[in-house]
Amino acid sequence: RCQSDSLGPFTCWWNRGRDPIIHTTYNLTYTFNVQNPEIQVCPNLSTEDDFVKCRWDTTNGGNVHLFEMSALNALGSSTSSPLQIDPGHYVKPGNVEQLRTPEVGSDSL
């Protein structure tokens, strides 16, 4: 799941399933432009409860994003199928602040 606050900060998180009990290393590779891919690694991947999370300060709205998650532990490794998303579908608009309306009378309503 992903969410962007007004196409600014962009966060994605994945449910890693049940606790693997043994030490597991997660890795997220991504590109924010599928048409001209430059594969990168999540710079701040974190594990919180049952989720693996990555946050970016900004996103590239209008470009399809491609993600691939992998996990490695003593039992082996596994990599997800590539996931493509349009960040515009995950925007949470910012709160409206300092909204002003003109003075209107009761007959204007």
PDB file of N, CA and C in Angstrom:
ATOM      1  N   ARG A   1       0.849  -1.167   0.000  1.00  0.00           N
ATOM      2  CA  ARG A   1       0.000   0.000   0.000  1.00  0.00           C
ATOM      3  C   ARG A   1       0.896   1.232   0.000  1.00  0.00           C
ATOM      4  N   CYS A   2       0.451   2.271  -0.673  1.00  0.00           N
ATOM      5  CA  CYS A   2       1.221   3.512  -0.735  1.00  0.00           C
ATOM      6  C   CYS A   2       0.314   4.693  -0.427  1.00  0.00           C
ATOM      7  N   GLN A   3       0.943   5.785  -0.005  1.00  0.00           N
ATOM      8  CA  GLN A   3       0.198   7.016   0.235  1.00  0.00           C
ATOM      9  C   GLN A   3       1.123   8.203   0.042  1.00  0.00           C
ATOM     10  N   SER A   4       0.588   9.235  -0.564  1.00  0.00           N
ATOM     11  CA  SER A   4       1.340  10.467  -0.767  1.00  0.00           C
ATOM     12  C   SER A   4       0.520  11.622  -0.218  1.00  0.00           C
ATOM     13  N   ASP A   5       1.172  12.494   0.525  1.00  0.00           N
ATOM     14  CA  ASP A   5       0.506  13.688   1.020  1.00  0.00           C
ATOM     15  C   ASP A   5       0.662  14.784  -0.018  1.00  0.00           C
ATOM     16  N   SER A   6      -0.403  15.026  -0.788  1.00  0.00           N
ATOM     17  CA  SER A   6      -0.427  16.067  -1.821  1.00  0.00           C
ATOM     18  C   SER A   6       0.731  15.934  -2.815  1.00  0.00           C
ATOM     19  N   LEU A   7       1.069  14.710  -3.200  1.00  0.00           N
ATOM     20  CA  LEU A   7       2.177  14.400  -4.109  1.00  0.00           C
ATOM     21  C   LEU A   7       3.505  14.944  -3.609  1.00  0.00           C
ATOM     22  N   GLY A   8       3.630  15.048  -2.298  1.00  0.00           N
ATOM     23  CA  GLY A   8       4.895  15.430  -1.682  1.00  0.00           C
ATOM     24  C   GLY A   8       5.549  14.174  -1.157  1.00  0.00           C
ATOM     25  N   PRO A   9       5.684  14.068   0.167  1.00  0.00           N
ATOM     26  CA  PRO A   9       6.258  12.838   0.730  1.00  0.00           C
ATOM     27  C   PRO A   9       5.449  11.619   0.290  1.00  0.00           C
ATOM     28  N   PHE A  10       6.157  10.546  -0.005  1.00  0.00           N
ATOM     29  CA  PHE A  10       5.531   9.343  -0.554  1.00  0.00           C
ATOM     30  C   PHE A  10       6.013   8.150   0.258  1.00  0.00           C
ATOM     31  N   THR A  11       5.069   7.360   0.793  1.00  0.00           N
ATOM     32  CA  THR A  11       5.401   6.214   1.627  1.00  0.00           C
ATOM     33  C   THR A  11       4.703   4.978   1.091  1.00  0.00           C
ATOM     34  N   CYS A  12       5.427   3.880   1.028  1.00  0.00           N
ATOM     35  CA  CYS A  12       4.845   2.593   0.646  1.00  0.00           C
ATOM     36  C   CYS A  12       5.189   1.582   1.725  1.00  0.00           C
ATOM     37  N   TRP A  13       4.272   0.671   2.003  1.00  0.00           N
ATOM     38  CA  TRP A  13       4.536  -0.379   2.970  1.00  0.00           C
ATOM     39  C   TRP A  13       3.924  -1.679   2.510  1.00  0.00           C
ATOM     40  N   TRP A  14       4.573  -2.764   2.892  1.00  0.00           N
ATOM     41  CA  TRP A  14       4.198  -4.108   2.494  1.00  0.00           C
ATOM     42  C   TRP A  14       4.006  -4.948   3.743  1.00  0.00           C
ATOM     43  N   ASN A  15       2.980  -5.780   3.755  1.00  0.00           N
ATOM     44  CA  ASN A  15       2.781  -6.710   4.852  1.00  0.00           C
ATOM     45  C   ASN A  15       3.751  -7.864   4.631  1.00  0.00           C
ATOM     46  N   ARG A  16       4.651  -8.076   5.562  1.00  0.00           N
ATOM     47  CA  ARG A  16       5.659  -9.126   5.391  1.00  0.00           C
ATOM     48  C   ARG A  16       5.144 -10.484   5.849  1.00  0.00           C
ATOM     49  N   GLY A  17       3.899 -10.547   6.293  1.00  0.00           N
ATOM     50  CA  GLY A  17       3.352 -11.815   6.767  1.00  0.00           C
ATOM     51  C   GLY A  17       3.758 -12.055   8.206  1.00  0.00           C
ATOM     52  N   ARG A  18       3.694 -13.287   8.606  1.00  0.00           N
ATOM     53  CA  ARG A  18       4.035 -13.592  10.000  1.00  0.00           C
ATOM     54  C   ARG A  18       5.521 -13.393  10.246  1.00  0.00           C
ATOM     55  N   ASP A  19       5.878 -13.200  11.489  1.00  0.00           N
ATOM     56  CA  ASP A  19       7.267 -13.002  11.875  1.00  0.00           C
ATOM     57  C   ASP A  19       8.081 -14.228  11.468  1.00  0.00           C
ATOM     58  N   PRO A  20       9.151 -14.053  10.681  1.00  0.00           N
ATOM     59  CA  PRO A  20       9.928 -15.203  10.226  1.00  0.00           C
ATOM     60  C   PRO A  20      10.775 -15.849  11.334  1.00  0.00           C
ATOM     61  N   ILE A  21      10.778 -15.289  12.516  1.00  0.00           N
ATOM     62  CA  ILE A  21      11.499 -15.762  13.701  1.00  0.00           C
ATOM     63  C   ILE A  21      13.020 -15.643  13.525  1.00  0.00           C
ATOM     64  N   ILE A  22      13.578 -16.084  12.391  1.00  0.00           N
ATOM     65  CA  ILE A  22      15.019 -15.937  12.179  1.00  0.00           C
ATOM     66  C   ILE A  22      15.291 -14.583  11.511  1.00  0.00           C
ATOM     67  N   HIS A  23      16.507 -14.104  11.693  1.00  0.00           N
ATOM     68  CA  HIS A  23      16.884 -12.801  11.128  1.00  0.00           C
ATOM     69  C   HIS A  23      16.656 -12.803   9.611  1.00  0.00           C
ATOM     70  N   THR A  24      15.902 -11.828   9.148  1.00  0.00           N
ATOM     71  CA  THR A  24      15.603 -11.703   7.714  1.00  0.00           C
ATOM     72  C   THR A  24      15.946 -10.293   7.257  1.00  0.00           C
ATOM     73  N   THR A  25      16.640 -10.204   6.145  1.00  0.00           N
ATOM     74  CA  THR A  25      16.996  -8.915   5.555  1.00  0.00           C
ATOM     75  C   THR A  25      16.076  -8.650   4.375  1.00  0.00           C
ATOM     76  N   TYR A  26      15.478  -7.467   4.351  1.00  0.00           N
ATOM     77  CA  TYR A  26      14.580  -7.077   3.264  1.00  0.00           C
ATOM     78  C   TYR A  26      15.269  -6.055   2.390  1.00  0.00           C
ATOM     79  N   ASN A  27      14.915  -6.050   1.110  1.00  0.00           N
ATOM     80  CA  ASN A  27      15.500  -5.123   0.151  1.00  0.00           C
ATOM     81  C   ASN A  27      14.393  -4.699  -0.817  1.00  0.00           C
ATOM     82  N   LEU A  28      14.307  -3.416  -1.075  1.00  0.00           N
ATOM     83  CA  LEU A  28      13.317  -2.899  -2.014  1.00  0.00           C
ATOM     84  C   LEU A  28      14.041  -2.169  -3.132  1.00  0.00           C
ATOM     85  N   THR A  29      13.840  -2.629  -4.359  1.00  0.00           N
ATOM     86  CA  THR A  29      14.358  -1.897  -5.512  1.00  0.00           C
ATOM     87  C   THR A  29      13.171  -1.243  -6.197  1.00  0.00           C
ATOM     88  N   TYR A  30      13.422  -0.106  -6.830  1.00  0.00           N
ATOM     89  CA  TYR A  30      12.323   0.641  -7.438  1.00  0.00           C
ATOM     90  C   TYR A  30      12.834   1.526  -8.559  1.00  0.00           C
ATOM     91  N   THR A  31      11.894   1.957  -9.376  1.00  0.00           N
ATOM     92  CA  THR A  31      12.131   3.037 -10.327  1.00  0.00           C
ATOM     93  C   THR A  31      10.866   3.873 -10.361  1.00  0.00           C
ATOM     94  N   PHE A  32      11.008   5.165 -10.453  1.00  0.00           N
ATOM     95  CA  PHE A  32       9.855   6.060 -10.531  1.00  0.00           C
ATOM     96  C   PHE A  32       9.538   6.433 -11.981  1.00  0.00           C
ATOM     97  N   ASN A  33      10.206   5.790 -12.929  1.00  0.00           N
ATOM     98  CA  ASN A  33       9.938   6.070 -14.338  1.00  0.00           C
ATOM     99  C   ASN A  33      10.135   4.785 -15.136  1.00  0.00           C
ATOM    100  N   VAL A  34       9.049   4.060 -15.382  1.00  0.00           N
ATOM    101  CA  VAL A  34       9.122   2.768 -16.062  1.00  0.00           C
ATOM    102  C   VAL A  34       9.591   2.936 -17.511  1.00  0.00           C
ATOM    103  N   GLN A  35       9.262   4.068 -18.136  1.00  0.00           N
ATOM    104  CA  GLN A  35       9.645   4.298 -19.530  1.00  0.00           C
ATOM    105  C   GLN A  35      11.154   4.462 -19.690  1.00  0.00           C
ATOM    106  N   ASN A  36      11.809   5.022 -18.683  1.00  0.00           N
ATOM    107  CA  ASN A  36      13.250   5.252 -18.709  1.00  0.00           C
ATOM    108  C   ASN A  36      13.804   4.802 -17.354  1.00  0.00           C
ATOM    109  N   PRO A  37      13.845   3.476 -17.122  1.00  0.00           N
ATOM    110  CA  PRO A  37      14.133   2.983 -15.776  1.00  0.00           C
ATOM    111  C   PRO A  37      15.559   3.229 -15.298  1.00  0.00           C
ATOM    112  N   GLU A  38      15.637   3.712 -14.085  1.00  0.00           N
ATOM    113  CA  GLU A  38      16.893   3.823 -13.358  1.00  0.00           C
ATOM    114  C   GLU A  38      16.624   3.126 -12.021  1.00  0.00           C
ATOM    115  N   ILE A  39      17.029   1.871 -11.921  1.00  0.00           N
ATOM    116  CA  ILE A  39      16.724   1.062 -10.746  1.00  0.00           C
ATOM    117  C   ILE A  39      17.515   1.584  -9.549  1.00  0.00           C
ATOM    118  N   GLN A  40      16.805   1.788  -8.448  1.00  0.00           N
ATOM    119  CA  GLN A  40      17.416   2.289  -7.223  1.00  0.00           C
ATOM    120  C   GLN A  40      17.020   1.396  -6.052  1.00  0.00           C
ATOM    121  N   VAL A  41      17.726   1.539  -4.949  1.00  0.00           N
ATOM    122  CA  VAL A  41      17.439   0.787  -3.724  1.00  0.00           C
ATOM    123  C   VAL A  41      16.885   1.753  -2.696  1.00  0.00           C
ATOM    124  N   CYS A  42      15.838   1.339  -1.992  1.00  0.00           N
ATOM    125  CA  CYS A  42      15.255   2.182  -0.950  1.00  0.00           C
ATOM    126  C   CYS A  42      16.326   2.586   0.046  1.00  0.00           C
ATOM    127  N   PRO A  43      16.521   3.896   0.254  1.00  0.00           N
ATOM    128  CA  PRO A  43      17.596   4.352   1.129  1.00  0.00           C
ATOM    129  C   PRO A  43      17.289   4.219   2.622  1.00  0.00           C
ATOM    130  N   ASN A  44      16.023   4.049   2.985  1.00  0.00           N
ATOM    131  CA  ASN A  44      15.671   4.042   4.408  1.00  0.00           C
ATOM    132  C   ASN A  44      14.634   2.978   4.730  1.00  0.00           C
ATOM    133  N   LEU A  45      14.832   1.796   4.220  1.00  0.00           N
ATOM    134  CA  LEU A  45      13.889   0.696   4.448  1.00  0.00           C
ATOM    135  C   LEU A  45      13.832   0.367   5.936  1.00  0.00           C
ATOM    136  N   SER A  46      12.622   0.237   6.467  1.00  0.00           N
ATOM    137  CA  SER A  46      12.472  -0.087   7.887  1.00  0.00           C
ATOM    138  C   SER A  46      11.426  -1.179   8.056  1.00  0.00           C
ATOM    139  N   THR A  47      11.532  -1.902   9.150  1.00  0.00           N
ATOM    140  CA  THR A  47      10.564  -2.933   9.497  1.00  0.00           C
ATOM    141  C   THR A  47       9.854  -2.494  10.758  1.00  0.00           C
ATOM    142  N   GLU A  48       8.548  -2.381  10.677  1.00  0.00           N
ATOM    143  CA  GLU A  48       7.740  -1.966  11.823  1.00  0.00           C
ATOM    144  C   GLU A  48       6.586  -2.942  11.962  1.00  0.00           C
ATOM    145  N   ASP A  49       6.540  -3.631  13.093  1.00  0.00           N
ATOM    146  CA  ASP A  49       5.521  -4.645  13.339  1.00  0.00           C
ATOM    147  C   ASP A  49       5.537  -5.649  12.186  1.00  0.00           C
ATOM    148  N   ASP A  50       4.436  -5.816  11.486  1.00  0.00           N
ATOM    149  CA  ASP A  50       4.351  -6.786  10.389  1.00  0.00           C
ATOM    150  C   ASP A  50       4.591  -6.142   9.025  1.00  0.00           C
ATOM    151  N   PHE A  51       5.121  -4.923   9.006  1.00  0.00           N
ATOM    152  CA  PHE A  51       5.260  -4.202   7.747  1.00  0.00           C
ATOM    153  C   PHE A  51       6.701  -3.823   7.455  1.00  0.00           C
ATOM    154  N   VAL A  52       7.013  -3.806   6.160  1.00  0.00           N
ATOM    155  CA  VAL A  52       8.283  -3.279   5.663  1.00  0.00           C
ATOM    156  C   VAL A  52       7.910  -1.975   4.974  1.00  0.00           C
ATOM    157  N   LYS A  53       8.630  -0.893   5.294  1.00  0.00           N
ATOM    158  CA  LYS A  53       8.205   0.434   4.879  1.00  0.00           C
ATOM    159  C   LYS A  53       9.357   1.208   4.261  1.00  0.00           C
ATOM    160  N   CYS A  54       9.040   1.995   3.216  1.00  0.00           N
ATOM    161  CA  CYS A  54      10.016   2.895   2.610  1.00  0.00           C
ATOM    162  C   CYS A  54       9.351   4.249   2.418  1.00  0.00           C
ATOM    163  N   ARG A  55      10.113   5.318   2.672  1.00  0.00           N
ATOM    164  CA  ARG A  55       9.577   6.673   2.543  1.00  0.00           C
ATOM    165  C   ARG A  55      10.523   7.513   1.692  1.00  0.00           C
ATOM    166  N   TRP A  56       9.921   8.302   0.811  1.00  0.00           N
ATOM    167  CA  TRP A  56      10.669   9.239  -0.017  1.00  0.00           C
ATOM    168  C   TRP A  56      10.165  10.640   0.274  1.00  0.00           C
ATOM    169  N   ASP A  57      11.021  11.637   0.136  1.00  0.00           N
ATOM    170  CA  ASP A  57      10.612  13.020   0.395  1.00  0.00           C
ATOM    171  C   ASP A  57       9.684  13.553  -0.683  1.00  0.00           C
ATOM    172  N   THR A  58       9.763  12.967  -1.858  1.00  0.00           N
ATOM    173  CA  THR A  58       8.915  13.413  -2.961  1.00  0.00           C
ATOM    174  C   THR A  58       8.695  12.248  -3.918  1.00  0.00           C
ATOM    175  N   THR A  59       7.714  12.390  -4.776  1.00  0.00           N
ATOM    176  CA  THR A  59       7.464  11.378  -5.791  1.00  0.00           C
ATOM    177  C   THR A  59       7.401  12.057  -7.147  1.00  0.00           C
ATOM    178  N   ASN A  60       7.403  11.275  -8.175  1.00  0.00           N
ATOM    179  CA  ASN A  60       7.370  11.793  -9.535  1.00  0.00           C
ATOM    180  C   ASN A  60       5.979  11.534 -10.097  1.00  0.00           C
ATOM    181  N   GLY A  61       5.040  12.398  -9.768  1.00  0.00           N
ATOM    182  CA  GLY A  61       3.653  12.235 -10.211  1.00  0.00           C
ATOM    183  C   GLY A  61       3.555  12.162 -11.722  1.00  0.00           C
ATOM    184  N   GLY A  62       2.656  11.351 -12.211  1.00  0.00           N
ATOM    185  CA  GLY A  62       2.462  11.193 -13.646  1.00  0.00           C
ATOM    186  C   GLY A  62       3.267  10.058 -14.242  1.00  0.00           C
ATOM    187  N   ASN A  63       4.235   9.527 -13.514  1.00  0.00           N
ATOM    188  CA  ASN A  63       5.022   8.390 -13.983  1.00  0.00           C
ATOM    189  C   ASN A  63       4.631   7.137 -13.207  1.00  0.00           C
ATOM    190  N   VAL A  64       4.505   6.038 -13.902  1.00  0.00           N
ATOM    191  CA  VAL A  64       4.226   4.766 -13.242  1.00  0.00           C
ATOM    192  C   VAL A  64       5.459   4.348 -12.461  1.00  0.00           C
ATOM    193  N   HIS A  65       5.251   3.906 -11.215  1.00  0.00           N
ATOM    194  CA  HIS A  65       6.343   3.460 -10.348  1.00  0.00           C
ATOM    195  C   HIS A  65       6.384   1.934 -10.362  1.00  0.00           C
ATOM    196  N   LEU A  66       7.559   1.377 -10.292  1.00  0.00           N
ATOM    197  CA  LEU A  66       7.741  -0.077 -10.295  1.00  0.00           C
ATOM    198  C   LEU A  66       8.541  -0.475  -9.054  1.00  0.00           C
ATOM    199  N   PHE A  67       8.003  -1.436  -8.286  1.00  0.00           N
ATOM    200  CA  PHE A  67       8.649  -1.887  -7.056  1.00  0.00           C
ATOM    201  C   PHE A  67       8.881  -3.388  -7.105  1.00  0.00           C
ATOM    202  N   GLU A  68       9.942  -3.828  -6.433  1.00  0.00           N
ATOM    203  CA  GLU A  68      10.231  -5.251  -6.285  1.00  0.00           C
ATOM    204  C   GLU A  68      10.854  -5.462  -4.901  1.00  0.00           C
ATOM    205  N   MET A  69      10.212  -6.282  -4.081  1.00  0.00           N
ATOM    206  CA  MET A  69      10.660  -6.549  -2.716  1.00  0.00           C
ATOM    207  C   MET A  69      11.335  -7.913  -2.670  1.00  0.00           C
ATOM    208  N   SER A  70      12.436  -7.995  -1.942  1.00  0.00           N
ATOM    209  CA  SER A  70      13.084  -9.293  -1.757  1.00  0.00           C
ATOM    210  C   SER A  70      13.405  -9.492  -0.277  1.00  0.00           C
ATOM    211  N   ALA A  71      13.503 -10.765   0.107  1.00  0.00           N
ATOM    212  CA  ALA A  71      13.824 -11.137   1.485  1.00  0.00           C
ATOM    213  C   ALA A  71      14.891 -12.223   1.449  1.00  0.00           C
ATOM    214  N   LEU A  72      15.805 -12.163   2.407  1.00  0.00           N
ATOM    215  CA  LEU A  72      16.905 -13.121   2.481  1.00  0.00           C
ATOM    216  C   LEU A  72      17.113 -13.520   3.934  1.00  0.00           C
ATOM    217  N   ASN A  73      17.169 -14.847   4.172  1.00  0.00           N
ATOM    218  CA  ASN A  73      17.529 -15.350   5.499  1.00  0.00           C
ATOM    219  C   ASN A  73      18.254 -16.681   5.336  1.00  0.00           C
ATOM    220  N   ALA A  74      18.518 -17.362   6.444  1.00  0.00           N
ATOM    221  CA  ALA A  74      19.299 -18.600   6.412  1.00  0.00           C
ATOM    222  C   ALA A  74      18.626 -19.710   5.614  1.00  0.00           C
ATOM    223  N   LEU A  75      17.330 -19.607   5.405  1.00  0.00           N
ATOM    224  CA  LEU A  75      16.608 -20.634   4.653  1.00  0.00           C
ATOM    225  C   LEU A  75      16.594 -20.375   3.149  1.00  0.00           C
ATOM    226  N   GLY A  76      17.002 -19.174   2.739  1.00  0.00           N
ATOM    227  CA  GLY A  76      17.026 -18.864   1.309  1.00  0.00           C
ATOM    228  C   GLY A  76      16.558 -17.446   1.042  1.00  0.00           C
ATOM    229  N   SER A  77      16.140 -17.226  -0.184  1.00  0.00           N
ATOM    230  CA  SER A  77      15.693 -15.889  -0.581  1.00  0.00           C
ATOM    231  C   SER A  77      14.425 -15.991  -1.408  1.00  0.00           C
ATOM    232  N   SER A  78      13.711 -14.880  -1.467  1.00  0.00           N
ATOM    233  CA  SER A  78      12.485 -14.804  -2.256  1.00  0.00           C
ATOM    234  C   SER A  78      12.328 -13.377  -2.750  1.00  0.00           C
ATOM    235  N   THR A  79      11.857 -13.234  -3.975  1.00  0.00           N
ATOM    236  CA  THR A  79      11.630 -11.916  -4.559  1.00  0.00           C
ATOM    237  C   THR A  79      10.209 -11.857  -5.095  1.00  0.00           C
ATOM    238  N   SER A  80       9.541 -10.747  -4.826  1.00  0.00           N
ATOM    239  CA  SER A  80       8.162 -10.572  -5.269  1.00  0.00           C
ATOM    240  C   SER A  80       8.099 -10.361  -6.779  1.00  0.00           C
ATOM    241  N   SER A  81       6.922 -10.513  -7.308  1.00  0.00           N
ATOM    242  CA  SER A  81       6.680 -10.103  -8.690  1.00  0.00           C
ATOM    243  C   SER A  81       6.731  -8.582  -8.721  1.00  0.00           C
ATOM    244  N   PRO A  82       7.150  -7.991  -9.827  1.00  0.00           N
ATOM    245  CA  PRO A  82       7.174  -6.527  -9.899  1.00  0.00           C
ATOM    246  C   PRO A  82       5.764  -5.955  -9.719  1.00  0.00           C
ATOM    247  N   LEU A  83       5.667  -4.868  -8.999  1.00  0.00           N
ATOM    248  CA  LEU A  83       4.393  -4.198  -8.747  1.00  0.00           C
ATOM    249  C   LEU A  83       4.457  -2.814  -9.363  1.00  0.00           C
ATOM    250  N   GLN A  84       3.500  -2.508 -10.250  1.00  0.00           N
ATOM    251  CA  GLN A  84       3.432  -1.190 -10.866  1.00  0.00           C
ATOM    252  C   GLN A  84       2.274  -0.418 -10.260  1.00  0.00           C
ATOM    253  N   ILE A  85       2.528   0.841  -9.904  1.00  0.00           N
ATOM    254  CA  ILE A  85       1.451   1.690  -9.407  1.00  0.00           C
ATOM    255  C   ILE A  85       1.550   3.070 -10.028  1.00  0.00           C
ATOM    256  N   ASP A  86       0.424   3.750 -10.080  1.00  0.00           N
ATOM    257  CA  ASP A  86       0.361   5.149 -10.482  1.00  0.00           C
ATOM    258  C   ASP A  86       0.217   5.949  -9.193  1.00  0.00           C
ATOM    259  N   PRO A  87       1.202   6.770  -8.819  1.00  0.00           N
ATOM    260  CA  PRO A  87       1.136   7.465  -7.537  1.00  0.00           C
ATOM    261  C   PRO A  87      -0.065   8.391  -7.411  1.00  0.00           C
ATOM    262  N   GLY A  88      -0.607   8.836  -8.526  1.00  0.00           N
ATOM    263  CA  GLY A  88      -1.785   9.695  -8.482  1.00  0.00           C
ATOM    264  C   GLY A  88      -2.999   9.021  -7.862  1.00  0.00           C
ATOM    265  N   HIS A  89      -3.007   7.702  -7.828  1.00  0.00           N
ATOM    266  CA  HIS A  89      -4.121   6.959  -7.233  1.00  0.00           C
ATOM    267  C   HIS A  89      -3.983   6.854  -5.724  1.00  0.00           C
ATOM    268  N   TYR A  90      -2.872   7.326  -5.166  1.00  0.00           N
ATOM    269  CA  TYR A  90      -2.587   7.164  -3.742  1.00  0.00           C
ATOM    270  C   TYR A  90      -2.359   8.500  -3.041  1.00  0.00           C
ATOM    271  N   VAL A  91      -2.961   9.552  -3.568  1.00  0.00           N
ATOM    272  CA  VAL A  91      -2.758  10.887  -3.011  1.00  0.00           C
ATOM    273  C   VAL A  91      -3.801  11.171  -1.934  1.00  0.00           C
ATOM    274  N   LYS A  92      -3.322  11.642  -0.808  1.00  0.00           N
ATOM    275  CA  LYS A  92      -4.190  12.112   0.262  1.00  0.00           C
ATOM    276  C   LYS A  92      -4.064  13.630   0.249  1.00  0.00           C
ATOM    277  N   PRO A  93      -5.122  14.341  -0.149  1.00  0.00           N
ATOM    278  CA  PRO A  93      -5.016  15.804  -0.224  1.00  0.00           C
ATOM    279  C   PRO A  93      -4.702  16.413   1.136  1.00  0.00           C
ATOM    280  N   GLY A  94      -3.962  17.492   1.107  1.00  0.00           N
ATOM    281  CA  GLY A  94      -3.658  18.203   2.347  1.00  0.00           C
ATOM    282  C   GLY A  94      -4.904  18.874   2.901  1.00  0.00           C
ATOM    283  N   ASN A  95      -4.864  19.197   4.179  1.00  0.00           N
ATOM    284  CA  ASN A  95      -5.992  19.875   4.820  1.00  0.00           C
ATOM    285  C   ASN A  95      -6.153  21.280   4.270  1.00  0.00           C
ATOM    286  N   VAL A  96      -7.390  21.705   4.117  1.00  0.00           N
ATOM    287  CA  VAL A  96      -7.679  23.069   3.687  1.00  0.00           C
ATOM    288  C   VAL A  96      -7.476  23.974   4.895  1.00  0.00           C
ATOM    289  N   GLU A  97      -6.713  25.025   4.707  1.00  0.00           N
ATOM    290  CA  GLU A  97      -6.430  25.943   5.805  1.00  0.00           C
ATOM    291  C   GLU A  97      -6.743  27.369   5.382  1.00  0.00           C
ATOM    292  N   GLN A  98      -7.159  28.160   6.331  1.00  0.00           N
ATOM    293  CA  GLN A  98      -7.444  29.582   6.132  1.00  0.00           C
ATOM    294  C   GLN A  98      -8.416  29.826   4.976  1.00  0.00           C
ATOM    295  N   LEU A  99      -9.478  29.060   4.959  1.00  0.00           N
ATOM    296  CA  LEU A  99     -10.514  29.223   3.939  1.00  0.00           C
ATOM    297  C   LEU A  99     -11.387  30.400   4.313  1.00  0.00           C
ATOM    298  N   ARG A 100     -11.610  31.304   3.378  1.00  0.00           N
ATOM    299  CA  ARG A 100     -12.442  32.489   3.627  1.00  0.00           C
ATOM    300  C   ARG A 100     -13.568  32.527   2.599  1.00  0.00           C
ATOM    301  N   THR A 101     -14.703  32.982   3.057  1.00  0.00           N
ATOM    302  CA  THR A 101     -15.843  33.133   2.157  1.00  0.00           C
ATOM    303  C   THR A 101     -16.300  34.584   2.220  1.00  0.00           C
ATOM    304  N   PRO A 102     -16.879  35.072   1.133  1.00  0.00           N
ATOM    305  CA  PRO A 102     -17.390  36.438   1.177  1.00  0.00           C
ATOM    306  C   PRO A 102     -18.611  36.505   2.085  1.00  0.00           C
ATOM    307  N   GLU A 103     -18.845  37.673   2.642  1.00  0.00           N
ATOM    308  CA  GLU A 103     -20.023  37.820   3.473  1.00  0.00           C
ATOM    309  C   GLU A 103     -21.253  37.773   2.579  1.00  0.00           C
ATOM    310  N   VAL A 104     -22.165  36.890   2.927  1.00  0.00           N
ATOM    311  CA  VAL A 104     -23.407  36.760   2.160  1.00  0.00           C
ATOM    312  C   VAL A 104     -24.589  36.854   3.112  1.00  0.00           C
ATOM    313  N   GLY A 105     -25.680  37.334   2.585  1.00  0.00           N
ATOM    314  CA  GLY A 105     -26.893  37.418   3.393  1.00  0.00           C
ATOM    315  C   GLY A 105     -27.692  36.127   3.273  1.00  0.00           C
ATOM    316  N   SER A 106     -28.731  35.992   4.094  1.00  0.00           N
ATOM    317  CA  SER A 106     -29.538  34.780   4.091  1.00  0.00           C
ATOM    318  C   SER A 106     -30.276  34.587   2.772  1.00  0.00           C
ATOM    319  N   ASP A 107     -30.532  35.671   2.021  1.00  0.00           N
ATOM    320  CA  ASP A 107     -31.221  35.527   0.734  1.00  0.00           C
ATOM    321  C   ASP A 107     -30.280  35.026  -0.356  1.00  0.00           C
ATOM    322  N   SER A 108     -28.961  34.992  -0.105  1.00  0.00           N
ATOM    323  CA  SER A 108     -27.991  34.520  -1.089  1.00  0.00           C
ATOM    324  C   SER A 108     -27.805  33.019  -1.028  1.00  0.00           C
ATOM    325  N   LEU A 109     -28.267  32.395   0.032  1.00  0.00           N
ATOM    326  CA  LEU A 109     -28.051  30.963   0.179  1.00  0.00           C
ATOM    327  C   LEU A 109     -28.998  30.237  -0.635  1.00  0.00           C
TER     328      LEU A 109
END
